[in-house]
Amino acid sequence: MHRLLLLGSLWLLAAPLASSIFQRPTGSPAPPRLQYLLEPLHATVHTQRGATATLPCVLRALPRNYRVKWSKVEPANYRESIIIITNGLYHKNYGPLSPRVRLRHSHRYDASLTITDVALEDEGRYRCQLVNGLEDESVSLMLHLEGIVFPYQPSTGRYKFNYHEAKRACEQQDSRLATYQQLYKAWTEGLDWCNAGWILDGTVHYPIINSREPCGGRLLLPGVRTYGARDKQKDRFDAFCFTSALQGQVYFIRGHLNFKEAGQACRNHGAAVAKVGQLYSAWKRYPITTPRERCGGLPDPGIRSFGFPSKELRTYGTYCYVG
């Protein structure tokens, strides 16, 4: 169990699950039995940023005239984006994933999709559809990135982001808006945060472990509490960001530096001041399991924060990131 806090005594560029579970309604018809596609052994493929991942899709037989279409379900706009279409002999790639996807094609029945250099935005639900006249059928798989969720707010205080600003803020900190599944998993692992924040699908939530008066009262049970879907332009909250494995290294330079000097100290080593997502990712990789009195005095490991001190203060060292 860990408590994720805002950021600790350091300079940063700015301040501050598992797969989706779809249940079939009682009494609804069972999905049609697959005739040509094999049901995957595992509906979720686990990976991390920068890795190569393969989503399995294997045919048990080859119809005379058929196509296989891979697409990704986009939760923010409720659409499916086509990734690749093949007829077994030729294929064509589509969209932003095009340079990083290919068919594994290890044998003539194999239509599995391989994604190289997995990015944060690749997480989500994918569909392999066999297009065969009136006998179309499909299987769905979830690509799940291992990583960490952290709350984020600007220097102007809490509840300042509309949805689009929250999305940009996470991206600027080497992360992206978290999905509900990622936020829920973070809650099960100990994320306890009273401020409500946007997530990827445009809804607003806050995760509570310890029920208390400022967070809905002591009588409400722990859980991921929700405000539901909000106006993406007008409503303003914080953000819950998600990041995965680093492609570089975060390290600390001791000293009493103002913000400008901190930037120069990192550049002298061929690096840059670490972003929030990079620091959280590094902490996830090398967690502090022994909290100490001189490191905030809190009983749980985590990232401590002094918020947004004056950039002129010569008080802190700096965390640098080199890719």
Foldseek 3Di string as FASTA:
>chain_A
DFEADWFAFADFPFGWAPADDDDDDPPDDDPDDDDWWDADPAQEWEDAAQAKTKAWIFTPDQDPWKKKWKWFQQLQVRDTHTAKMDRLPDMDGDDPQPVFWDAPCPDSRTRMIMGGRDAQVVFHKMKIWMGDPPPIDIYIHTYHYDWAKHWTGGLVDWFPAFQVRQQVVLVVQQWGFADPNRVQVNLVVPYADQWWAAGRNQWIWGFHDQADDSRPHRVDHGGIGTPTHDDRPPGTGITMTIHTADPWDKDWDWFQAFQVVQQVVQVVVVWGFHGPRVVRNNCVVVPDQQDDCVRVHDPGTYRDHPTDDDSPGRHGITMTIDD
